[in-house]
Amino acid sequence: MVVDFSLPYPSEVSTILENYCLKQDIPCVRFLRSETDVPRHPLIHEVYGWVEAAQLAARLGDTIFLTTGTYNLEVFLSSQELKGKRIVVRVLPEHRVVKKCQDLGLTPRDIVAMQGPFSRELNKALFKAYKAKVIVTRDSGPAGGTDTKIEAALDLHIPVVIIKRPPLKHQHPVTSLEEILKLLAE
């Protein structure tokens, strides 16, 4: 059996792994953080792709606060719909990450380098300080702080674009190490 612990969004590695396992008839399970229980609210917009998220964010406001890290940052910075809009990114405080942001054209005033997850109060303070008009996040579950980002944005009446995980095609999803051990025992 193969267990895929990679990011919960489509990646070339996961696709190659999944196809190999299918051809070899090897069971493949995908470890996923539990998803956020997203409330139904007119300010919350669920999408399933990065380009769709960029396009929607462009229609919702002029200052886009990305809490997605640098994964697919290029999609937002190259989006024609986002030209002329301010993009603020919150990323890990690592040299290579900040350098990537700068290499893509972001200035220090639009890079927030901090280690999360963050409380509802800290999210609110950051969103207010940067005058965010739209929050973009991906659903990394409560463990990734998605719930506190949504709560903070709703407190401030800021629209949220949340990138949901696409449904798995062939892999079996598991959400705990206990599940993996049980499957291995079988």
N, C-alpha and C. Protein backbone atom coordinates (compact mmCIF):
# COMPACT_ATOMS: atom_id res chain seq x y z
N MET A 1 0.85 -1.17 0.00
CA MET A 1 0.00 0.00 0.00
C MET A 1 0.89 1.24 0.00
N VAL A 2 0.41 2.29 -0.67
CA VAL A 2 1.12 3.57 -0.71
C VAL A 2 0.25 4.60 -0.01
N VAL A 3 0.88 5.42 0.84
CA VAL A 3 0.17 6.51 1.51
C VAL A 3 0.74 7.82 1.00
N ASP A 4 -0.14 8.66 0.46
CA ASP A 4 0.25 9.95 -0.09
C ASP A 4 0.01 11.02 0.98
N PHE A 5 1.11 11.61 1.48
CA PHE A 5 1.04 12.65 2.50
C PHE A 5 1.31 14.04 1.91
N SER A 6 1.26 14.17 0.59
CA SER A 6 1.57 15.46 -0.04
C SER A 6 0.46 16.46 0.19
N LEU A 7 0.67 17.68 -0.30
CA LEU A 7 -0.33 18.73 -0.16
C LEU A 7 -1.70 18.24 -0.62
N PRO A 8 -2.78 18.75 -0.02
CA PRO A 8 -4.11 18.25 -0.36
C PRO A 8 -4.69 18.82 -1.64
N TYR A 9 -3.86 19.37 -2.49
CA TYR A 9 -4.34 19.92 -3.75
C TYR A 9 -3.64 19.19 -4.87
N PRO A 10 -4.23 19.15 -6.05
CA PRO A 10 -3.64 18.39 -7.14
C PRO A 10 -2.19 18.78 -7.39
N SER A 11 -1.36 17.77 -7.49
CA SER A 11 0.03 18.01 -7.82
C SER A 11 0.47 16.94 -8.80
N GLU A 12 1.50 17.25 -9.53
CA GLU A 12 2.01 16.31 -10.52
C GLU A 12 2.48 15.02 -9.85
N VAL A 13 3.11 15.15 -8.69
CA VAL A 13 3.61 13.97 -7.98
C VAL A 13 2.46 13.05 -7.58
N SER A 14 1.38 13.62 -7.04
CA SER A 14 0.24 12.79 -6.63
C SER A 14 -0.40 12.10 -7.83
N THR A 15 -0.49 12.81 -8.95
CA THR A 15 -1.08 12.22 -10.16
C THR A 15 -0.23 11.06 -10.66
N ILE A 16 1.08 11.25 -10.70
CA ILE A 16 1.98 10.18 -11.14
C ILE A 16 1.87 8.98 -10.20
N LEU A 17 1.88 9.26 -8.90
CA LEU A 17 1.78 8.20 -7.90
C LEU A 17 0.47 7.44 -8.05
N GLU A 18 -0.62 8.18 -8.19
CA GLU A 18 -1.93 7.55 -8.31
C GLU A 18 -2.00 6.67 -9.57
N ASN A 19 -1.53 7.18 -10.69
CA ASN A 19 -1.55 6.40 -11.94
C ASN A 19 -0.69 5.15 -11.84
N TYR A 20 0.47 5.27 -11.22
CA TYR A 20 1.34 4.10 -11.04
C TYR A 20 0.64 3.04 -10.20
N CYS A 21 0.06 3.46 -9.09
CA CYS A 21 -0.63 2.51 -8.21
C CYS A 21 -1.79 1.83 -8.91
N LEU A 22 -2.53 2.58 -9.72
CA LEU A 22 -3.64 1.99 -10.47
C LEU A 22 -3.14 0.92 -11.43
N LYS A 23 -2.07 1.23 -12.17
CA LYS A 23 -1.52 0.28 -13.13
C LYS A 23 -0.96 -0.97 -12.45
N GLN A 24 -0.38 -0.79 -11.27
CA GLN A 24 0.24 -1.91 -10.55
C GLN A 24 -0.73 -2.61 -9.61
N ASP A 25 -1.96 -2.12 -9.54
CA ASP A 25 -2.98 -2.65 -8.63
C ASP A 25 -2.51 -2.61 -7.17
N ILE A 26 -1.93 -1.48 -6.82
CA ILE A 26 -1.46 -1.26 -5.45
C ILE A 26 -2.44 -0.30 -4.78
N PRO A 27 -2.94 -0.64 -3.61
CA PRO A 27 -3.83 0.30 -2.91
C PRO A 27 -3.11 1.61 -2.60
N CYS A 28 -3.80 2.72 -2.82
CA CYS A 28 -3.23 4.03 -2.58
C CYS A 28 -4.21 4.83 -1.74
N VAL A 29 -3.74 5.28 -0.60
CA VAL A 29 -4.59 6.11 0.26
C VAL A 29 -4.01 7.50 0.35
N ARG A 30 -4.87 8.47 0.58
CA ARG A 30 -4.46 9.86 0.63
C ARG A 30 -4.75 10.41 2.02
N PHE A 31 -3.70 10.86 2.72
CA PHE A 31 -3.90 11.46 4.03
C PHE A 31 -4.33 12.90 3.83
N LEU A 32 -5.44 13.27 4.42
CA LEU A 32 -5.98 14.63 4.30
C LEU A 32 -6.34 15.17 5.68
N ARG A 33 -6.02 16.43 5.91
CA ARG A 33 -6.54 17.09 7.09
C ARG A 33 -8.06 17.16 6.94
N SER A 34 -8.75 17.16 8.05
CA SER A 34 -10.20 17.30 7.94
C SER A 34 -10.51 18.68 7.37
N GLU A 35 -11.58 18.75 6.58
CA GLU A 35 -11.97 20.01 5.96
C GLU A 35 -12.68 20.90 6.98
N THR A 36 -12.69 22.17 6.68
CA THR A 36 -13.36 23.14 7.53
C THR A 36 -14.86 23.07 7.29
N ASP A 37 -15.62 23.15 8.36
CA ASP A 37 -17.07 23.24 8.25
C ASP A 37 -17.38 24.70 7.91
N VAL A 38 -17.48 24.97 6.62
CA VAL A 38 -17.64 26.35 6.15
C VAL A 38 -19.11 26.76 6.28
N PRO A 39 -19.35 27.85 7.02
CA PRO A 39 -20.76 28.28 7.16
C PRO A 39 -21.30 28.84 5.85
N ARG A 40 -22.60 28.71 5.68
CA ARG A 40 -23.25 29.33 4.53
C ARG A 40 -23.41 30.81 4.85
N HIS A 41 -22.82 31.63 4.01
CA HIS A 41 -22.86 33.08 4.26
C HIS A 41 -22.64 33.78 2.92
N PRO A 42 -23.33 34.89 2.69
CA PRO A 42 -23.18 35.57 1.39
C PRO A 42 -21.77 36.11 1.12
N LEU A 43 -20.95 36.25 2.16
CA LEU A 43 -19.58 36.73 1.95
C LEU A 43 -18.58 35.60 1.67
N ILE A 44 -19.04 34.36 1.77
CA ILE A 44 -18.14 33.22 1.55
C ILE A 44 -18.40 32.65 0.16
N HIS A 45 -17.31 32.54 -0.61
CA HIS A 45 -17.38 32.05 -1.99
C HIS A 45 -16.44 30.86 -2.14
N GLU A 46 -16.99 29.69 -2.38
CA GLU A 46 -16.18 28.48 -2.55
C GLU A 46 -15.87 28.27 -4.02
N VAL A 47 -14.60 27.97 -4.29
CA VAL A 47 -14.15 27.65 -5.65
C VAL A 47 -13.29 26.39 -5.58
N TYR A 48 -12.99 25.82 -6.74
CA TYR A 48 -12.18 24.60 -6.78
C TYR A 48 -10.90 24.75 -7.60
N GLY A 49 -10.55 25.98 -7.95
CA GLY A 49 -9.34 26.17 -8.73
C GLY A 49 -8.70 27.51 -8.44
N TRP A 50 -7.41 27.59 -8.71
CA TRP A 50 -6.62 28.79 -8.42
C TRP A 50 -6.97 29.93 -9.36
N VAL A 51 -7.13 29.65 -10.64
CA VAL A 51 -7.47 30.69 -11.61
C VAL A 51 -8.84 31.26 -11.28
N GLU A 52 -9.79 30.38 -10.98
CA GLU A 52 -11.14 30.82 -10.60
C GLU A 52 -11.08 31.71 -9.35
N ALA A 53 -10.23 31.35 -8.40
CA ALA A 53 -10.08 32.15 -7.17
C ALA A 53 -9.55 33.55 -7.50
N ALA A 54 -8.56 33.63 -8.37
CA ALA A 54 -7.99 34.93 -8.75
C ALA A 54 -9.03 35.79 -9.46
N GLN A 55 -9.77 35.19 -10.37
CA GLN A 55 -10.77 35.94 -11.12
C GLN A 55 -11.87 36.46 -10.19
N LEU A 56 -12.32 35.62 -9.28
CA LEU A 56 -13.38 36.03 -8.36
C LEU A 56 -12.88 37.11 -7.40
N ALA A 57 -11.68 36.93 -6.88
CA ALA A 57 -11.12 37.93 -5.97
C ALA A 57 -11.04 39.29 -6.65
N ALA A 58 -10.67 39.30 -7.92
CA ALA A 58 -10.57 40.56 -8.67
C ALA A 58 -11.91 41.28 -8.74
N ARG A 59 -12.99 40.53 -8.83
CA ARG A 59 -14.33 41.14 -8.91
C ARG A 59 -14.82 41.63 -7.55
N LEU A 60 -14.26 41.10 -6.46
CA LEU A 60 -14.76 41.40 -5.13
C LEU A 60 -14.09 42.58 -4.44
N GLY A 61 -12.89 42.96 -4.86
CA GLY A 61 -12.24 44.07 -4.18
C GLY A 61 -10.90 44.44 -4.78
N ASP A 62 -10.32 45.54 -4.26
CA ASP A 62 -9.07 46.08 -4.80
C ASP A 62 -7.83 45.70 -4.01
N THR A 63 -7.98 45.28 -2.75
CA THR A 63 -6.83 44.81 -1.98
C THR A 63 -7.08 43.36 -1.61
N ILE A 64 -6.32 42.49 -2.23
CA ILE A 64 -6.48 41.05 -2.06
C ILE A 64 -5.44 40.56 -1.06
N PHE A 65 -5.88 39.94 0.02
CA PHE A 65 -4.99 39.41 1.04
C PHE A 65 -4.96 37.89 0.88
N LEU A 66 -3.82 37.40 0.38
CA LEU A 66 -3.66 35.96 0.14
C LEU A 66 -3.09 35.28 1.38
N THR A 67 -3.80 34.27 1.87
CA THR A 67 -3.29 33.47 2.99
C THR A 67 -2.96 32.07 2.50
N THR A 68 -2.60 31.97 1.23
CA THR A 68 -2.34 30.68 0.60
C THR A 68 -0.85 30.36 0.52
N GLY A 69 0.00 31.22 1.06
CA GLY A 69 1.44 31.00 0.93
C GLY A 69 1.89 31.27 -0.49
N THR A 70 3.00 30.67 -0.87
CA THR A 70 3.53 30.91 -2.22
C THR A 70 3.09 29.87 -3.23
N TYR A 71 2.39 28.84 -2.77
CA TYR A 71 1.90 27.82 -3.68
C TYR A 71 0.92 28.47 -4.66
N ASN A 72 1.23 28.44 -5.92
CA ASN A 72 0.41 29.03 -6.99
C ASN A 72 0.30 30.55 -6.92
N LEU A 73 1.24 31.19 -6.25
CA LEU A 73 1.26 32.65 -6.17
C LEU A 73 1.32 33.27 -7.57
N GLU A 74 2.01 32.61 -8.47
CA GLU A 74 2.15 33.10 -9.85
C GLU A 74 0.79 33.30 -10.52
N VAL A 75 -0.17 32.45 -10.19
CA VAL A 75 -1.50 32.56 -10.78
C VAL A 75 -2.11 33.93 -10.47
N PHE A 76 -1.94 34.39 -9.24
CA PHE A 76 -2.51 35.67 -8.83
C PHE A 76 -1.73 36.84 -9.40
N LEU A 77 -0.41 36.73 -9.37
CA LEU A 77 0.41 37.85 -9.82
C LEU A 77 0.42 38.02 -11.33
N SER A 78 0.08 36.98 -12.07
CA SER A 78 0.03 37.09 -13.53
C SER A 78 -1.39 37.26 -14.06
N SER A 79 -2.38 37.27 -13.17
CA SER A 79 -3.77 37.38 -13.58
C SER A 79 -4.05 38.76 -14.17
N GLN A 80 -4.58 38.79 -15.38
CA GLN A 80 -4.95 40.05 -16.02
C GLN A 80 -6.04 40.77 -15.23
N GLU A 81 -6.94 39.99 -14.62
CA GLU A 81 -8.03 40.57 -13.83
C GLU A 81 -7.51 41.31 -12.59
N LEU A 82 -6.36 40.90 -12.09
CA LEU A 82 -5.81 41.50 -10.88
C LEU A 82 -4.82 42.62 -11.15
N LYS A 83 -4.56 42.93 -12.41
CA LYS A 83 -3.65 44.03 -12.75
C LYS A 83 -4.18 45.32 -12.13
N GLY A 84 -3.29 46.06 -11.47
CA GLY A 84 -3.68 47.31 -10.86
C GLY A 84 -4.25 47.17 -9.45
N LYS A 85 -4.44 45.96 -9.00
CA LYS A 85 -4.96 45.72 -7.65
C LYS A 85 -3.78 45.43 -6.73
N ARG A 86 -3.95 45.71 -5.45
CA ARG A 86 -2.91 45.43 -4.47
C ARG A 86 -3.06 43.98 -4.01
N ILE A 87 -1.96 43.25 -4.05
CA ILE A 87 -1.94 41.88 -3.57
C ILE A 87 -0.98 41.81 -2.38
N VAL A 88 -1.52 41.42 -1.24
CA VAL A 88 -0.74 41.22 -0.02
C VAL A 88 -0.68 39.73 0.23
N VAL A 89 0.52 39.22 0.52
CA VAL A 89 0.66 37.78 0.79
C VAL A 89 1.16 37.54 2.20
N ARG A 90 0.62 36.52 2.83
CA ARG A 90 1.13 36.07 4.12
C ARG A 90 1.83 34.75 3.87
N VAL A 91 3.13 34.71 4.20
CA VAL A 91 3.96 33.56 3.87
C VAL A 91 4.83 33.19 5.08
N LEU A 92 5.48 32.05 4.97
CA LEU A 92 6.41 31.63 6.01
C LEU A 92 7.63 32.56 6.03
N PRO A 93 8.18 32.82 7.20
CA PRO A 93 9.35 33.70 7.30
C PRO A 93 10.65 32.96 6.99
N GLU A 94 10.74 32.45 5.78
CA GLU A 94 11.94 31.74 5.32
C GLU A 94 12.53 32.53 4.15
N HIS A 95 13.84 32.58 4.10
CA HIS A 95 14.53 33.37 3.07
C HIS A 95 14.06 33.02 1.66
N ARG A 96 14.01 31.73 1.33
CA ARG A 96 13.65 31.33 -0.04
C ARG A 96 12.21 31.72 -0.38
N VAL A 97 11.33 31.72 0.62
CA VAL A 97 9.93 32.07 0.41
C VAL A 97 9.81 33.58 0.15
N VAL A 98 10.44 34.38 1.00
CA VAL A 98 10.40 35.83 0.82
C VAL A 98 11.08 36.22 -0.50
N LYS A 99 12.17 35.55 -0.82
CA LYS A 99 12.87 35.82 -2.09
C LYS A 99 11.97 35.52 -3.29
N LYS A 100 11.24 34.41 -3.22
CA LYS A 100 10.32 34.08 -4.31
C LYS A 100 9.29 35.21 -4.49
N CYS A 101 8.75 35.69 -3.38
CA CYS A 101 7.78 36.80 -3.44
C CYS A 101 8.40 38.02 -4.11
N GLN A 102 9.62 38.36 -3.70
CA GLN A 102 10.29 39.53 -4.28
C GLN A 102 10.62 39.29 -5.75
N ASP A 103 11.08 38.09 -6.09
CA ASP A 103 11.40 37.78 -7.48
C ASP A 103 10.17 37.88 -8.37
N LEU A 104 8.99 37.64 -7.78
CA LEU A 104 7.74 37.74 -8.54
C LEU A 104 7.21 39.17 -8.60
N GLY A 105 7.94 40.11 -7.96
CA GLY A 105 7.59 41.51 -8.07
C GLY A 105 6.90 42.13 -6.86
N LEU A 106 6.70 41.36 -5.80
CA LEU A 106 6.09 41.94 -4.60
C LEU A 106 7.11 42.77 -3.84
N THR A 107 6.65 43.85 -3.25
CA THR A 107 7.53 44.70 -2.45
C THR A 107 7.37 44.32 -0.98
N PRO A 108 8.34 44.68 -0.13
CA PRO A 108 8.26 44.32 1.28
C PRO A 108 6.96 44.78 1.96
N ARG A 109 6.38 45.89 1.53
CA ARG A 109 5.15 46.38 2.17
C ARG A 109 3.96 45.45 1.94
N ASP A 110 4.08 44.54 0.96
CA ASP A 110 2.99 43.61 0.65
C ASP A 110 3.32 42.16 1.00
N ILE A 111 4.39 41.96 1.78
CA ILE A 111 4.78 40.62 2.22
C ILE A 111 4.70 40.56 3.74
N VAL A 112 3.85 39.69 4.24
CA VAL A 112 3.72 39.46 5.68
C VAL A 112 4.34 38.09 5.94
N ALA A 113 5.52 38.08 6.55
CA ALA A 113 6.23 36.82 6.78
C ALA A 113 6.08 36.42 8.25
N MET A 114 5.19 35.47 8.49
CA MET A 114 4.88 35.01 9.85
C MET A 114 4.54 33.53 9.83
N GLN A 115 4.83 32.87 10.93
CA GLN A 115 4.49 31.45 11.08
C GLN A 115 3.13 31.33 11.73
N GLY A 116 2.21 30.59 11.14
CA GLY A 116 0.87 30.39 11.69
C GLY A 116 0.74 29.02 12.31
N PRO A 117 -0.46 28.58 12.61
CA PRO A 117 -1.72 29.25 12.37
C PRO A 117 -1.95 30.40 13.34
N PHE A 118 -2.91 31.27 12.98
CA PHE A 118 -3.15 32.50 13.71
C PHE A 118 -4.53 32.48 14.37
N SER A 119 -4.63 33.22 15.45
CA SER A 119 -5.92 33.34 16.14
C SER A 119 -6.85 34.23 15.32
N ARG A 120 -8.10 34.18 15.67
CA ARG A 120 -9.11 35.05 15.05
C ARG A 120 -8.72 36.52 15.24
N GLU A 121 -8.26 36.86 16.44
CA GLU A 121 -7.91 38.25 16.75
C GLU A 121 -6.71 38.72 15.94
N LEU A 122 -5.69 37.88 15.81
CA LEU A 122 -4.52 38.29 15.03
C LEU A 122 -4.87 38.42 13.55
N ASN A 123 -5.67 37.49 13.03
CA ASN A 123 -6.13 37.60 11.65
C ASN A 123 -6.87 38.93 11.44
N LYS A 124 -7.77 39.26 12.35
CA LYS A 124 -8.52 40.53 12.23
C LYS A 124 -7.56 41.72 12.21
N ALA A 125 -6.60 41.70 13.12
CA ALA A 125 -5.65 42.82 13.19
C ALA A 125 -4.87 42.96 11.88
N LEU A 126 -4.44 41.85 11.31
CA LEU A 126 -3.68 41.90 10.05
C LEU A 126 -4.57 42.35 8.90
N PHE A 127 -5.77 41.81 8.82
CA PHE A 127 -6.67 42.19 7.73
C PHE A 127 -6.98 43.69 7.80
N LYS A 128 -7.17 44.20 9.01
CA LYS A 128 -7.44 45.63 9.17
C LYS A 128 -6.20 46.47 8.84
N ALA A 129 -5.04 46.04 9.33
CA ALA A 129 -3.81 46.81 9.12
C ALA A 129 -3.48 46.94 7.63
N TYR A 130 -3.77 45.91 6.85
CA TYR A 130 -3.45 45.93 5.43
C TYR A 130 -4.65 46.38 4.58
N LYS A 131 -5.73 46.77 5.25
CA LYS A 131 -6.94 47.26 4.56
C LYS A 131 -7.45 46.27 3.52
N ALA A 132 -7.46 45.00 3.92
CA ALA A 132 -7.91 43.93 3.02
C ALA A 132 -9.37 44.14 2.63
N LYS A 133 -9.65 43.93 1.36
CA LYS A 133 -11.01 43.99 0.85
C LYS A 133 -11.52 42.62 0.44
N VAL A 134 -10.59 41.67 0.28
CA VAL A 134 -10.92 40.28 -0.04
C VAL A 134 -9.85 39.39 0.61
N ILE A 135 -10.29 38.30 1.20
CA ILE A 135 -9.36 37.31 1.76
C ILE A 135 -9.44 36.08 0.86
N VAL A 136 -8.28 35.55 0.47
CA VAL A 136 -8.23 34.31 -0.29
C VAL A 136 -7.48 33.29 0.55
N THR A 137 -8.10 32.13 0.74
CA THR A 137 -7.48 31.06 1.50
C THR A 137 -7.79 29.73 0.84
N ARG A 138 -7.08 28.71 1.21
CA ARG A 138 -7.44 27.37 0.76
C ARG A 138 -7.89 26.61 1.99
N ASP A 139 -8.70 25.63 1.79
CA ASP A 139 -9.23 24.89 2.93
C ASP A 139 -8.18 23.90 3.43
N SER A 140 -7.42 24.36 4.42
CA SER A 140 -6.42 23.49 5.03
C SER A 140 -6.93 22.95 6.36
N GLY A 141 -8.23 23.07 6.58
CA GLY A 141 -8.86 22.53 7.77
C GLY A 141 -8.59 23.36 9.01
N PRO A 142 -9.24 22.99 10.11
CA PRO A 142 -9.01 23.71 11.36
C PRO A 142 -7.54 23.70 11.80
N ALA A 143 -6.84 22.61 11.50
CA ALA A 143 -5.42 22.53 11.87
C ALA A 143 -4.60 23.60 11.15
N GLY A 144 -5.05 24.00 9.97
CA GLY A 144 -4.36 25.04 9.22
C GLY A 144 -4.90 26.44 9.47
N GLY A 145 -5.88 26.55 10.36
CA GLY A 145 -6.40 27.86 10.72
C GLY A 145 -7.44 28.44 9.78
N THR A 146 -7.99 27.62 8.90
CA THR A 146 -8.99 28.14 7.95
C THR A 146 -10.19 28.73 8.68
N ASP A 147 -10.61 28.08 9.75
CA ASP A 147 -11.79 28.56 10.48
C ASP A 147 -11.57 29.94 11.08
N THR A 148 -10.38 30.20 11.63
CA THR A 148 -10.13 31.51 12.25
C THR A 148 -9.99 32.61 11.19
N LYS A 149 -9.50 32.27 10.02
CA LYS A 149 -9.43 33.26 8.93
C LYS A 149 -10.84 33.66 8.51
N ILE A 150 -11.71 32.67 8.35
CA ILE A 150 -13.09 32.93 7.94
C ILE A 150 -13.80 33.76 9.01
N GLU A 151 -13.66 33.37 10.27
CA GLU A 151 -14.32 34.10 11.36
C GLU A 151 -13.85 35.56 11.40
N ALA A 152 -12.56 35.77 11.27
CA ALA A 152 -12.01 37.13 11.30
C ALA A 152 -12.55 37.96 10.14
N ALA A 153 -12.57 37.37 8.96
CA ALA A 153 -13.07 38.09 7.78
C ALA A 153 -14.54 38.44 7.94
N LEU A 154 -15.33 37.49 8.43
CA LEU A 154 -16.75 37.76 8.61
C LEU A 154 -16.98 38.84 9.67
N ASP A 155 -16.17 38.82 10.74
CA ASP A 155 -16.27 39.88 11.77
C ASP A 155 -16.07 41.26 11.14
N LEU A 156 -15.21 41.33 10.13
CA LEU A 156 -14.88 42.60 9.48
C LEU A 156 -15.71 42.86 8.21
N HIS A 157 -16.62 41.94 7.90
CA HIS A 157 -17.48 42.05 6.71
C HIS A 157 -16.67 42.06 5.42
N ILE A 158 -15.62 41.21 5.39
CA ILE A 158 -14.76 41.08 4.22
C ILE A 158 -15.10 39.78 3.50
N PRO A 159 -15.29 39.82 2.17
CA PRO A 159 -15.55 38.58 1.43
C PRO A 159 -14.36 37.63 1.51
N VAL A 160 -14.68 36.34 1.51
CA VAL A 160 -13.66 35.28 1.55
C VAL A 160 -13.83 34.39 0.33
N VAL A 161 -12.72 34.19 -0.38
CA VAL A 161 -12.69 33.20 -1.46
C VAL A 161 -11.93 32.02 -0.90
N ILE A 162 -12.61 30.88 -0.77
CA ILE A 162 -11.98 29.69 -0.21
C ILE A 162 -11.82 28.64 -1.29
N ILE A 163 -10.58 28.21 -1.48
CA ILE A 163 -10.28 27.20 -2.49
C ILE A 163 -10.44 25.84 -1.82
N LYS A 164 -11.47 25.13 -2.25
CA LYS A 164 -11.77 23.82 -1.69
C LYS A 164 -10.94 22.75 -2.40
N ARG A 165 -10.75 21.64 -1.72
CA ARG A 165 -10.05 20.52 -2.34
C ARG A 165 -10.94 19.88 -3.38
N PRO A 166 -10.37 19.59 -4.54
CA PRO A 166 -11.18 18.87 -5.54
C PRO A 166 -11.41 17.44 -5.06
N PRO A 167 -12.49 16.83 -5.50
CA PRO A 167 -12.74 15.45 -5.08
C PRO A 167 -11.65 14.53 -5.60
N LEU A 168 -11.33 13.52 -4.79
CA LEU A 168 -10.34 12.53 -5.20
C LEU A 168 -10.95 11.60 -6.25
N LYS A 169 -10.13 11.18 -7.20
CA LYS A 169 -10.64 10.30 -8.26
C LYS A 169 -10.53 8.84 -7.86
N HIS A 170 -9.32 8.42 -7.49
CA HIS A 170 -9.12 7.00 -7.23
C HIS A 170 -8.54 6.70 -5.86
N GLN A 171 -7.91 7.68 -5.25
CA GLN A 171 -7.30 7.43 -3.96
C GLN A 171 -8.36 7.37 -2.86
N HIS A 172 -8.08 6.57 -1.87
CA HIS A 172 -8.97 6.46 -0.71
C HIS A 172 -8.52 7.49 0.32
N PRO A 173 -9.40 8.44 0.72
CA PRO A 173 -8.98 9.44 1.70
C PRO A 173 -9.02 8.91 3.13
N VAL A 174 -8.02 9.29 3.92
CA VAL A 174 -8.00 8.99 5.35
C VAL A 174 -7.65 10.28 6.08
N THR A 175 -8.14 10.41 7.31
CA THR A 175 -7.90 11.65 8.04
C THR A 175 -7.17 11.44 9.36
N SER A 176 -6.72 10.20 9.61
CA SER A 176 -5.97 9.97 10.84
C SER A 176 -4.95 8.86 10.63
N LEU A 177 -3.92 8.90 11.45
CA LEU A 177 -2.91 7.84 11.39
C LEU A 177 -3.50 6.50 11.82
N GLU A 178 -4.48 6.55 12.72
CA GLU A 178 -5.14 5.31 13.15
C GLU A 178 -5.80 4.61 11.97
N GLU A 179 -6.45 5.39 11.09
CA GLU A 179 -7.08 4.81 9.90
C GLU A 179 -6.04 4.13 9.01
N ILE A 180 -4.90 4.77 8.87
CA ILE A 180 -3.83 4.20 8.04
C ILE A 180 -3.34 2.89 8.64
N LEU A 181 -3.11 2.87 9.94
CA LEU A 181 -2.65 1.64 10.60
C LEU A 181 -3.69 0.53 10.49
N LYS A 182 -4.95 0.87 10.59
CA LYS A 182 -6.02 -0.13 10.45
C LYS A 182 -6.01 -0.71 9.04
N LEU A 183 -5.86 0.15 8.03
CA LEU A 183 -5.82 -0.33 6.64
C LEU A 183 -4.60 -1.21 6.40
N LEU A 184 -3.48 -0.84 6.98
CA LEU A 184 -2.27 -1.66 6.83
C LEU A 184 -2.44 -3.03 7.47
N ALA A 185 -3.13 -3.07 8.60
CA ALA A 185 -3.35 -4.34 9.29
C ALA A 185 -4.25 -5.28 8.49
N GLU A 186 -5.17 -4.68 7.70
CA GLU A 186 -6.07 -5.49 6.88
C GLU A 186 -5.33 -6.06 5.73
